[in-house]
């Protein structure tokens, strides 16, 4: 009987303590620690650019998930310019030997391109998913001298291929990624790199999506909280 009472008491404590435990772990994945992760990654990318004497940077991108980009984890991928392998003037590939860094699941990083251009409601789930992919996929690039620059970026696999022959486990063609070869779909078009971003809470964005308002006031308000990068040091500018 005493053992039963003790087990019941522990079970009750666990149940009532779960929200606090969950809140604690979410706090560890909040904006501050995420900024620190990103800052460290940017410093490493800048060091790579200087050491290799090539344009290099960090690419933010969601991994492929059949459930869609709302559920997909987001990563930071170290990239480097490589014309010889990509055969593209603005071609970048993943830096060999450096694995993508997964961002905390409670937050995400955006560049807000879609939100700043127009704010509309849409019932077209596919179109919204494309928009989410677009604004959560962008690069921050440093020149060979270590200066933050705006540079056209087009990611390719390390083989520079656009067919299904590549075995690259980072960037690959869509058909390969869907079949488990590669984590991220390589670019079909080039796009300019960025010099700022926002950190958003994924639960709040998911709630807006479920209410058919993915580009809601929540994201519009975050536009004033953009995080900028010092072009000369590569560090996040403290406000």
C-alpha atoms as a PDB file:
ATOM      1  CA  UNK A   1       0.000   0.000   0.000  1.00  0.00           C
ATOM      2  CA  UNK A   2       2.779   2.437   0.917  1.00  0.00           C
ATOM      3  CA  UNK A   3       4.595   1.646  -2.317  1.00  0.00           C
ATOM      4  CA  UNK A   4       1.419   2.289  -4.293  1.00  0.00           C
ATOM      5  CA  UNK A   5       0.991   5.683  -2.637  1.00  0.00           C
ATOM      6  CA  UNK A   6       4.621   6.623  -3.365  1.00  0.00           C
ATOM      7  CA  UNK A   7       4.342   5.588  -7.039  1.00  0.00           C
ATOM      8  CA  UNK A   8       1.095   7.526  -7.395  1.00  0.00           C
ATOM      9  CA  UNK A   9       2.671  10.619  -5.827  1.00  0.00           C
ATOM     10  CA  UNK A  10       5.683  10.445  -8.148  1.00  0.00           C
ATOM     11  CA  UNK A  11       3.376  10.023 -11.142  1.00  0.00           C
ATOM     12  CA  UNK A  12       1.375  13.104 -10.133  1.00  0.00           C
ATOM     13  CA  UNK A  13       4.539  15.148  -9.673  1.00  0.00           C
ATOM     14  CA  UNK A  14       5.740  14.071 -13.097  1.00  0.00           C
ATOM     15  CA  UNK A  15       2.436  15.006 -14.759  1.00  0.00           C
ATOM     16  CA  UNK A  16       2.214  18.425 -13.112  1.00  0.00           C
ATOM     17  CA  UNK A  17       5.906  19.040 -13.625  1.00  0.00           C
ATOM     18  CA  UNK A  18       5.907  18.350 -17.356  1.00  0.00           C
ATOM     19  CA  UNK A  19       4.813  21.874 -18.397  1.00  0.00           C
ATOM     20  CA  UNK A  20       7.586  23.389 -16.281  1.00  0.00           C
ATOM     21  CA  UNK A  21      10.133  20.942 -17.659  1.00  0.00           C
ATOM     22  CA  UNK A  22       9.002  21.656 -21.208  1.00  0.00           C
ATOM     23  CA  UNK A  23       9.193  25.406 -20.574  1.00  0.00           C
ATOM     24  CA  UNK A  24      12.699  24.970 -19.184  1.00  0.00           C
ATOM     25  CA  UNK A  25      13.945  23.163 -22.268  1.00  0.00           C
ATOM     26  CA  UNK A  26      12.216  25.655 -24.555  1.00  0.00           C
ATOM     27  CA  UNK A  27      14.032  28.435 -22.737  1.00  0.00           C
ATOM     28  CA  UNK A  28      17.306  26.739 -23.593  1.00  0.00           C
ATOM     29  CA  UNK A  29      16.267  26.916 -27.245  1.00  0.00           C
ATOM     30  CA  UNK A  30      15.245  30.572 -27.127  1.00  0.00           C
ATOM     31  CA  UNK A  31      16.552  33.492 -29.129  1.00  0.00           C
ATOM     32  CA  UNK A  32      19.650  34.138 -27.008  1.00  0.00           C
ATOM     33  CA  UNK A  33      21.288  30.693 -27.272  1.00  0.00           C
ATOM     34  CA  UNK A  34      20.261  30.469 -30.936  1.00  0.00           C
ATOM     35  CA  UNK A  35      21.979  33.783 -31.642  1.00  0.00           C
ATOM     36  CA  UNK A  36      25.108  32.393 -29.997  1.00  0.00           C
ATOM     37  CA  UNK A  37      24.984  29.293 -32.217  1.00  0.00           C
ATOM     38  CA  UNK A  38      24.575  31.400 -35.340  1.00  0.00           C
ATOM     39  CA  UNK A  39      27.323  33.805 -34.289  1.00  0.00           C
ATOM     40  CA  UNK A  40      29.759  30.899 -33.807  1.00  0.00           C
ATOM     41  CA  UNK A  41      28.839  29.455 -37.205  1.00  0.00           C
ATOM     42  CA  UNK A  42      29.353  32.825 -38.907  1.00  0.00           C
ATOM     43  CA  UNK A  43      32.768  33.209 -37.276  1.00  0.00           C
ATOM     44  CA  UNK A  44      33.748  29.757 -38.522  1.00  0.00           C
ATOM     45  CA  UNK A  45      32.542  30.526 -42.046  1.00  0.00           C
ATOM     46  CA  UNK A  46      34.506  33.771 -42.080  1.00  0.00           C
ATOM     47  CA  UNK A  47      37.621  31.884 -40.983  1.00  0.00           C
ATOM     48  CA  UNK A  48      37.072  29.349 -43.793  1.00  0.00           C
ATOM     49  CA  UNK A  49      36.782  32.148 -46.369  1.00  0.00           C
ATOM     50  CA  UNK A  50      40.074  33.704 -45.209  1.00  0.00           C
ATOM     51  CA  UNK A  51      41.913  30.386 -44.943  1.00  0.00           C
ATOM     52  CA  UNK A  52      40.752  28.954 -48.290  1.00  0.00           C
ATOM     53  CA  UNK A  53      40.816  32.334 -50.097  1.00  0.00           C
ATOM     54  CA  UNK A  54      37.370  31.661 -51.493  1.00  0.00           C
ATOM     55  CA  UNK A  55      33.928  33.073 -50.885  1.00  0.00           C
ATOM     56  CA  UNK A  56      32.400  31.020 -48.077  1.00  0.00           C
ATOM     57  CA  UNK A  57      29.459  31.289 -45.768  1.00  0.00           C
ATOM     58  CA  UNK A  58      26.555  29.765 -43.905  1.00  0.00           C
ATOM     59  CA  UNK A  59      23.380  28.586 -45.597  1.00  0.00           C
ATOM     60  CA  UNK A  60      20.155  28.316 -43.624  1.00  0.00           C
ATOM     61  CA  UNK A  61      17.891  25.647 -45.061  1.00  0.00           C
ATOM     62  CA  UNK A  62      15.246  23.182 -43.986  1.00  0.00           C
ATOM     63  CA  UNK A  63      15.904  19.506 -44.531  1.00  0.00           C
ATOM     64  CA  UNK A  64      13.476  17.586 -46.707  1.00  0.00           C
ATOM     65  CA  UNK A  65      10.402  16.341 -44.848  1.00  0.00           C
ATOM     66  CA  UNK A  66       7.456  14.684 -46.651  1.00  0.00           C
ATOM     67  CA  UNK A  67       5.122  16.408 -44.154  1.00  0.00           C
ATOM     68  CA  UNK A  68       6.217  19.808 -45.440  1.00  0.00           C
ATOM     69  CA  UNK A  69       8.505  22.639 -44.307  1.00  0.00           C
ATOM     70  CA  UNK A  70       6.492  23.439 -41.179  1.00  0.00           C
ATOM     71  CA  UNK A  71       7.624  20.147 -39.649  1.00  0.00           C
ATOM     72  CA  UNK A  72      11.086  20.008 -41.219  1.00  0.00           C
ATOM     73  CA  UNK A  73      14.132  20.771 -39.055  1.00  0.00           C
ATOM     74  CA  UNK A  74      16.289  23.718 -40.086  1.00  0.00           C
ATOM     75  CA  UNK A  75      20.063  23.555 -40.373  1.00  0.00           C
ATOM     76  CA  UNK A  76      23.092  25.751 -40.899  1.00  0.00           C
ATOM     77  CA  UNK A  77      25.291  24.420 -43.699  1.00  0.00           C
ATOM     78  CA  UNK A  78      28.835  25.635 -44.323  1.00  0.00           C
ATOM     79  CA  UNK A  79      29.224  26.451 -48.018  1.00  0.00           C
ATOM     80  CA  UNK A  80      32.143  27.488 -50.219  1.00  0.00           C
ATOM     81  CA  UNK A  81      32.390  28.875 -53.746  1.00  0.00           C
ATOM     82  CA  UNK A  82      33.763  26.260 -56.158  1.00  0.00           C
ATOM     83  CA  UNK A  83      33.576  26.919 -59.895  1.00  0.00           C
ATOM     84  CA  UNK A  84      35.754  23.912 -60.745  1.00  0.00           C
ATOM     85  CA  UNK A  85      33.233  21.437 -59.305  1.00  0.00           C
ATOM     86  CA  UNK A  86      29.933  23.220 -59.823  1.00  0.00           C
ATOM     87  CA  UNK A  87      30.755  24.732 -63.237  1.00  0.00           C
ATOM     88  CA  UNK A  88      28.730  27.761 -62.177  1.00  0.00           C
ATOM     89  CA  UNK A  89      30.056  31.299 -61.809  1.00  0.00           C
ATOM     90  CA  UNK A  90      28.071  31.620 -58.580  1.00  0.00           C
ATOM     91  CA  UNK A  91      28.194  27.933 -57.655  1.00  0.00           C
ATOM     92  CA  UNK A  92      28.647  26.944 -54.017  1.00  0.00           C
ATOM     93  CA  UNK A  93      28.889  23.482 -52.471  1.00  0.00           C
ATOM     94  CA  UNK A  94      28.974  22.186 -48.909  1.00  0.00           C
ATOM     95  CA  UNK A  95      32.361  22.378 -47.210  1.00  0.00           C
ATOM     96  CA  UNK A  96      33.766  18.875 -47.048  1.00  0.00           C
ATOM     97  CA  UNK A  97      34.298  17.447 -43.582  1.00  0.00           C
ATOM     98  CA  UNK A  98      31.846  19.813 -41.859  1.00  0.00           C
ATOM     99  CA  UNK A  99      28.394  18.469 -41.076  1.00  0.00           C
ATOM    100  CA  UNK A 100      25.290  20.701 -41.075  1.00  0.00           C
ATOM    101  CA  UNK A 101      24.354  22.105 -37.657  1.00  0.00           C
ATOM    102  CA  UNK A 102      20.749  21.582 -36.597  1.00  0.00           C
ATOM    103  CA  UNK A 103      19.001  24.601 -35.112  1.00  0.00           C
ATOM    104  CA  UNK A 104      16.811  24.201 -31.995  1.00  0.00           C
ATOM    105  CA  UNK A 105      13.374  22.776 -32.854  1.00  0.00           C
ATOM    106  CA  UNK A 106      11.467  25.504 -31.003  1.00  0.00           C
ATOM    107  CA  UNK A 107      12.750  28.342 -33.204  1.00  0.00           C
ATOM    108  CA  UNK A 108      13.436  29.051 -36.845  1.00  0.00           C
ATOM    109  CA  UNK A 109      15.388  31.587 -38.886  1.00  0.00           C
ATOM    110  CA  UNK A 110      13.933  33.651 -41.749  1.00  0.00           C
ATOM    111  CA  UNK A 111      15.063  36.491 -43.950  1.00  0.00           C
ATOM    112  CA  UNK A 112      11.460  37.787 -44.293  1.00  0.00           C
ATOM    113  CA  UNK A 113      11.661  38.293 -48.065  1.00  0.00           C
ATOM    114  CA  UNK A 114       8.153  36.963 -48.578  1.00  0.00           C
ATOM    115  CA  UNK A 115       6.667  38.886 -45.667  1.00  0.00           C
ATOM    116  CA  UNK A 116       8.166  42.231 -46.639  1.00  0.00           C
ATOM    117  CA  UNK A 117       7.071  42.026 -50.267  1.00  0.00           C
ATOM    118  CA  UNK A 118       3.392  41.338 -49.656  1.00  0.00           C
ATOM    119  CA  UNK A 119       1.063  40.107 -46.940  1.00  0.00           C
ATOM    120  CA  UNK A 120      -1.851  38.021 -48.188  1.00  0.00           C
ATOM    121  CA  UNK A 121      -4.051  35.211 -47.001  1.00  0.00           C
ATOM    122  CA  UNK A 122      -4.019  32.096 -49.129  1.00  0.00           C
ATOM    123  CA  UNK A 123      -5.849  28.781 -49.068  1.00  0.00           C
ATOM    124  CA  UNK A 124      -3.317  27.226 -51.429  1.00  0.00           C
ATOM    125  CA  UNK A 125      -1.269  25.024 -49.134  1.00  0.00           C
ATOM    126  CA  UNK A 126       1.324  24.196 -51.793  1.00  0.00           C
ATOM    127  CA  UNK A 127       1.929  27.876 -52.511  1.00  0.00           C
ATOM    128  CA  UNK A 128       2.285  28.630 -48.806  1.00  0.00           C
ATOM    129  CA  UNK A 129       4.739  25.753 -48.390  1.00  0.00           C
ATOM    130  CA  UNK A 130       6.812  27.172 -51.251  1.00  0.00           C
ATOM    131  CA  UNK A 131       6.825  30.556 -49.534  1.00  0.00           C
ATOM    132  CA  UNK A 132       7.948  29.011 -46.242  1.00  0.00           C
ATOM    133  CA  UNK A 133      10.754  27.164 -48.016  1.00  0.00           C
ATOM    134  CA  UNK A 134      11.785  30.337 -49.800  1.00  0.00           C
ATOM    135  CA  UNK A 135      12.068  32.606 -46.799  1.00  0.00           C
ATOM    136  CA  UNK A 136      13.749  29.993 -44.581  1.00  0.00           C
ATOM    137  CA  UNK A 137      16.377  29.240 -47.237  1.00  0.00           C
ATOM    138  CA  UNK A 138      19.098  31.843 -47.652  1.00  0.00           C
ATOM    139  CA  UNK A 139      22.851  32.331 -47.323  1.00  0.00           C
ATOM    140  CA  UNK A 140      25.243  34.694 -45.555  1.00  0.00           C
ATOM    141  CA  UNK A 141      28.567  34.995 -47.409  1.00  0.00           C
ATOM    142  CA  UNK A 142      32.049  36.331 -46.640  1.00  0.00           C
ATOM    143  CA  UNK A 143      34.692  37.360 -49.162  1.00  0.00           C
ATOM    144  CA  UNK A 144      38.244  35.888 -49.197  1.00  0.00           C
ATOM    145  CA  UNK A 145      39.307  38.910 -47.113  1.00  0.00           C
ATOM    146  CA  UNK A 146      36.698  38.072 -44.465  1.00  0.00           C
ATOM    147  CA  UNK A 147      34.259  40.877 -45.237  1.00  0.00           C
ATOM    148  CA  UNK A 148      30.514  40.265 -45.303  1.00  0.00           C
ATOM    149  CA  UNK A 149      29.290  40.710 -48.887  1.00  0.00           C
ATOM    150  CA  UNK A 150      26.163  40.362 -50.954  1.00  0.00           C
ATOM    151  CA  UNK A 151      26.996  37.619 -53.457  1.00  0.00           C
ATOM    152  CA  UNK A 152      24.869  35.579 -55.840  1.00  0.00           C
ATOM    153  CA  UNK A 153      24.563  32.014 -54.554  1.00  0.00           C
ATOM    154  CA  UNK A 154      23.559  28.825 -56.326  1.00  0.00           C
ATOM    155  CA  UNK A 155      24.107  25.616 -54.352  1.00  0.00           C
ATOM    156  CA  UNK A 156      25.140  22.384 -56.037  1.00  0.00           C
ATOM    157  CA  UNK A 157      26.305  18.985 -54.867  1.00  0.00           C
ATOM    158  CA  UNK A 158      30.032  18.325 -54.638  1.00  0.00           C
ATOM    159  CA  UNK A 159      29.931  16.576 -58.040  1.00  0.00           C
ATOM    160  CA  UNK A 160      28.326  19.586 -59.707  1.00  0.00           C
ATOM    161  CA  UNK A 161      25.649  17.334 -61.191  1.00  0.00           C
ATOM    162  CA  UNK A 162      22.038  18.128 -61.936  1.00  0.00           C
ATOM    163  CA  UNK A 163      20.954  14.522 -62.487  1.00  0.00           C
ATOM    164  CA  UNK A 164      20.544  11.578 -60.119  1.00  0.00           C
ATOM    165  CA  UNK A 165      24.107  10.253 -60.371  1.00  0.00           C
ATOM    166  CA  UNK A 166      25.487  12.203 -57.421  1.00  0.00           C
ATOM    167  CA  UNK A 167      25.842  10.487 -54.051  1.00  0.00           C
ATOM    168  CA  UNK A 168      26.419  13.742 -52.165  1.00  0.00           C
ATOM    169  CA  UNK A 169      24.793  13.412 -48.726  1.00  0.00           C
ATOM    170  CA  UNK A 170      24.335  17.170 -48.223  1.00  0.00           C
ATOM    171  CA  UNK A 171      23.041  18.912 -51.374  1.00  0.00           C
ATOM    172  CA  UNK A 172      21.450  16.864 -54.130  1.00  0.00           C
ATOM    173  CA  UNK A 173      18.712  16.849 -56.746  1.00  0.00           C
ATOM    174  CA  UNK A 174      15.144  16.610 -55.455  1.00  0.00           C
ATOM    175  CA  UNK A 175      14.575  13.023 -56.570  1.00  0.00           C
ATOM    176  CA  UNK A 176      17.641  11.853 -54.659  1.00  0.00           C
ATOM    177  CA  UNK A 177      16.739  13.807 -51.530  1.00  0.00           C
ATOM    178  CA  UNK A 178      13.245  12.308 -51.573  1.00  0.00           C
ATOM    179  CA  UNK A 179      14.895   8.867 -51.699  1.00  0.00           C
ATOM    180  CA  UNK A 180      17.196   9.594 -48.770  1.00  0.00           C
ATOM    181  CA  UNK A 181      20.334  10.587 -50.693  1.00  0.00           C
ATOM    182  CA  UNK A 182      21.180  14.074 -49.502  1.00  0.00           C
ATOM    183  CA  UNK A 183      19.538  16.308 -46.905  1.00  0.00           C
ATOM    184  CA  UNK A 184      18.847  19.475 -48.883  1.00  0.00           C
ATOM    185  CA  UNK A 185      17.504  20.141 -52.367  1.00  0.00           C
ATOM    186  CA  UNK A 186      20.080  22.063 -54.392  1.00  0.00           C
ATOM    187  CA  UNK A 187      19.175  25.321 -56.127  1.00  0.00           C
ATOM    188  CA  UNK A 188      17.587  25.623 -59.510  1.00  0.00           C
ATOM    189  CA  UNK A 189      18.082  29.405 -59.491  1.00  0.00           C
ATOM    190  CA  UNK A 190      20.640  31.764 -58.026  1.00  0.00           C
ATOM    191  CA  UNK A 191      19.777  34.305 -55.360  1.00  0.00           C
ATOM    192  CA  UNK A 192      21.659  37.055 -53.526  1.00  0.00           C
ATOM    193  CA  UNK A 193      23.045  36.362 -50.060  1.00  0.00           C
ATOM    194  CA  UNK A 194      21.750  38.327 -47.066  1.00  0.00           C
ATOM    195  CA  UNK A 195      23.127  40.533 -44.318  1.00  0.00           C
ATOM    196  CA  UNK A 196      20.305  40.161 -41.755  1.00  0.00           C
ATOM    197  CA  UNK A 197      17.716  37.698 -40.475  1.00  0.00           C
ATOM    198  CA  UNK A 198      15.036  37.185 -37.831  1.00  0.00           C
ATOM    199  CA  UNK A 199      14.530  34.412 -35.286  1.00  0.00           C
ATOM    200  CA  UNK A 200      10.908  33.319 -34.873  1.00  0.00           C
ATOM    201  CA  UNK A 201       9.064  30.878 -32.617  1.00  0.00           C
ATOM    202  CA  UNK A 202       7.894  27.921 -34.654  1.00  0.00           C
ATOM    203  CA  UNK A 203       4.807  27.248 -32.498  1.00  0.00           C
ATOM    204  CA  UNK A 204       3.502  30.779 -33.051  1.00  0.00           C
ATOM    205  CA  UNK A 205       4.163  30.579 -36.772  1.00  0.00           C
ATOM    206  CA  UNK A 206       2.476  27.153 -36.960  1.00  0.00           C
ATOM    207  CA  UNK A 207      -0.570  28.577 -35.164  1.00  0.00           C
ATOM    208  CA  UNK A 208      -0.750  31.397 -37.701  1.00  0.00           C
ATOM    209  CA  UNK A 209      -0.522  28.846 -40.498  1.00  0.00           C
ATOM    210  CA  UNK A 210      -3.360  26.767 -39.043  1.00  0.00           C
ATOM    211  CA  UNK A 211      -5.478  29.945 -38.909  1.00  0.00           C
ATOM    212  CA  UNK A 212      -4.684  30.473 -42.608  1.00  0.00           C
ATOM    213  CA  UNK A 213      -2.667  33.565 -41.761  1.00  0.00           C
ATOM    214  CA  UNK A 214       0.923  32.391 -42.166  1.00  0.00           C
ATOM    215  CA  UNK A 215       2.211  35.895 -42.805  1.00  0.00           C
ATOM    216  CA  UNK A 216       0.469  37.338 -39.786  1.00  0.00           C
ATOM    217  CA  UNK A 217       1.048  40.330 -37.536  1.00  0.00           C
ATOM    218  CA  UNK A 218       3.392  38.110 -35.552  1.00  0.00           C
ATOM    219  CA  UNK A 219       5.926  38.054 -38.383  1.00  0.00           C
ATOM    220  CA  UNK A 220       5.286  41.651 -39.366  1.00  0.00           C
ATOM    221  CA  UNK A 221       6.161  42.735 -35.845  1.00  0.00           C
ATOM    222  CA  UNK A 222       9.388  40.732 -36.000  1.00  0.00           C
ATOM    223  CA  UNK A 223      10.540  42.835 -38.949  1.00  0.00           C
ATOM    224  CA  UNK A 224      11.546  45.522 -36.455  1.00  0.00           C
ATOM    225  CA  UNK A 225      13.701  42.960 -34.630  1.00  0.00           C
ATOM    226  CA  UNK A 226      15.950  42.086 -37.533  1.00  0.00           C
ATOM    227  CA  UNK A 227      19.382  40.893 -36.530  1.00  0.00           C
ATOM    228  CA  UNK A 228      22.210  42.482 -38.522  1.00  0.00           C
ATOM    229  CA  UNK A 229      25.796  41.330 -38.968  1.00  0.00           C
ATOM    230  CA  UNK A 230      28.877  43.510 -38.714  1.00  0.00           C
ATOM    231  CA  UNK A 231      30.355  43.463 -42.244  1.00  0.00           C
ATOM    232  CA  UNK A 232      33.957  43.698 -41.010  1.00  0.00           C
ATOM    233  CA  UNK A 233      33.971  41.287 -38.067  1.00  0.00           C
ATOM    234  CA  UNK A 234      31.177  38.897 -39.054  1.00  0.00           C
ATOM    235  CA  UNK A 235      29.675  39.134 -35.588  1.00  0.00           C
ATOM    236  CA  UNK A 236      26.082  39.902 -34.732  1.00  0.00           C
ATOM    237  CA  UNK A 237      25.540  43.590 -34.021  1.00  0.00           C
ATOM    238  CA  UNK A 238      24.335  44.055 -30.451  1.00  0.00           C
ATOM    239  CA  UNK A 239      21.427  46.442 -30.068  1.00  0.00           C
END
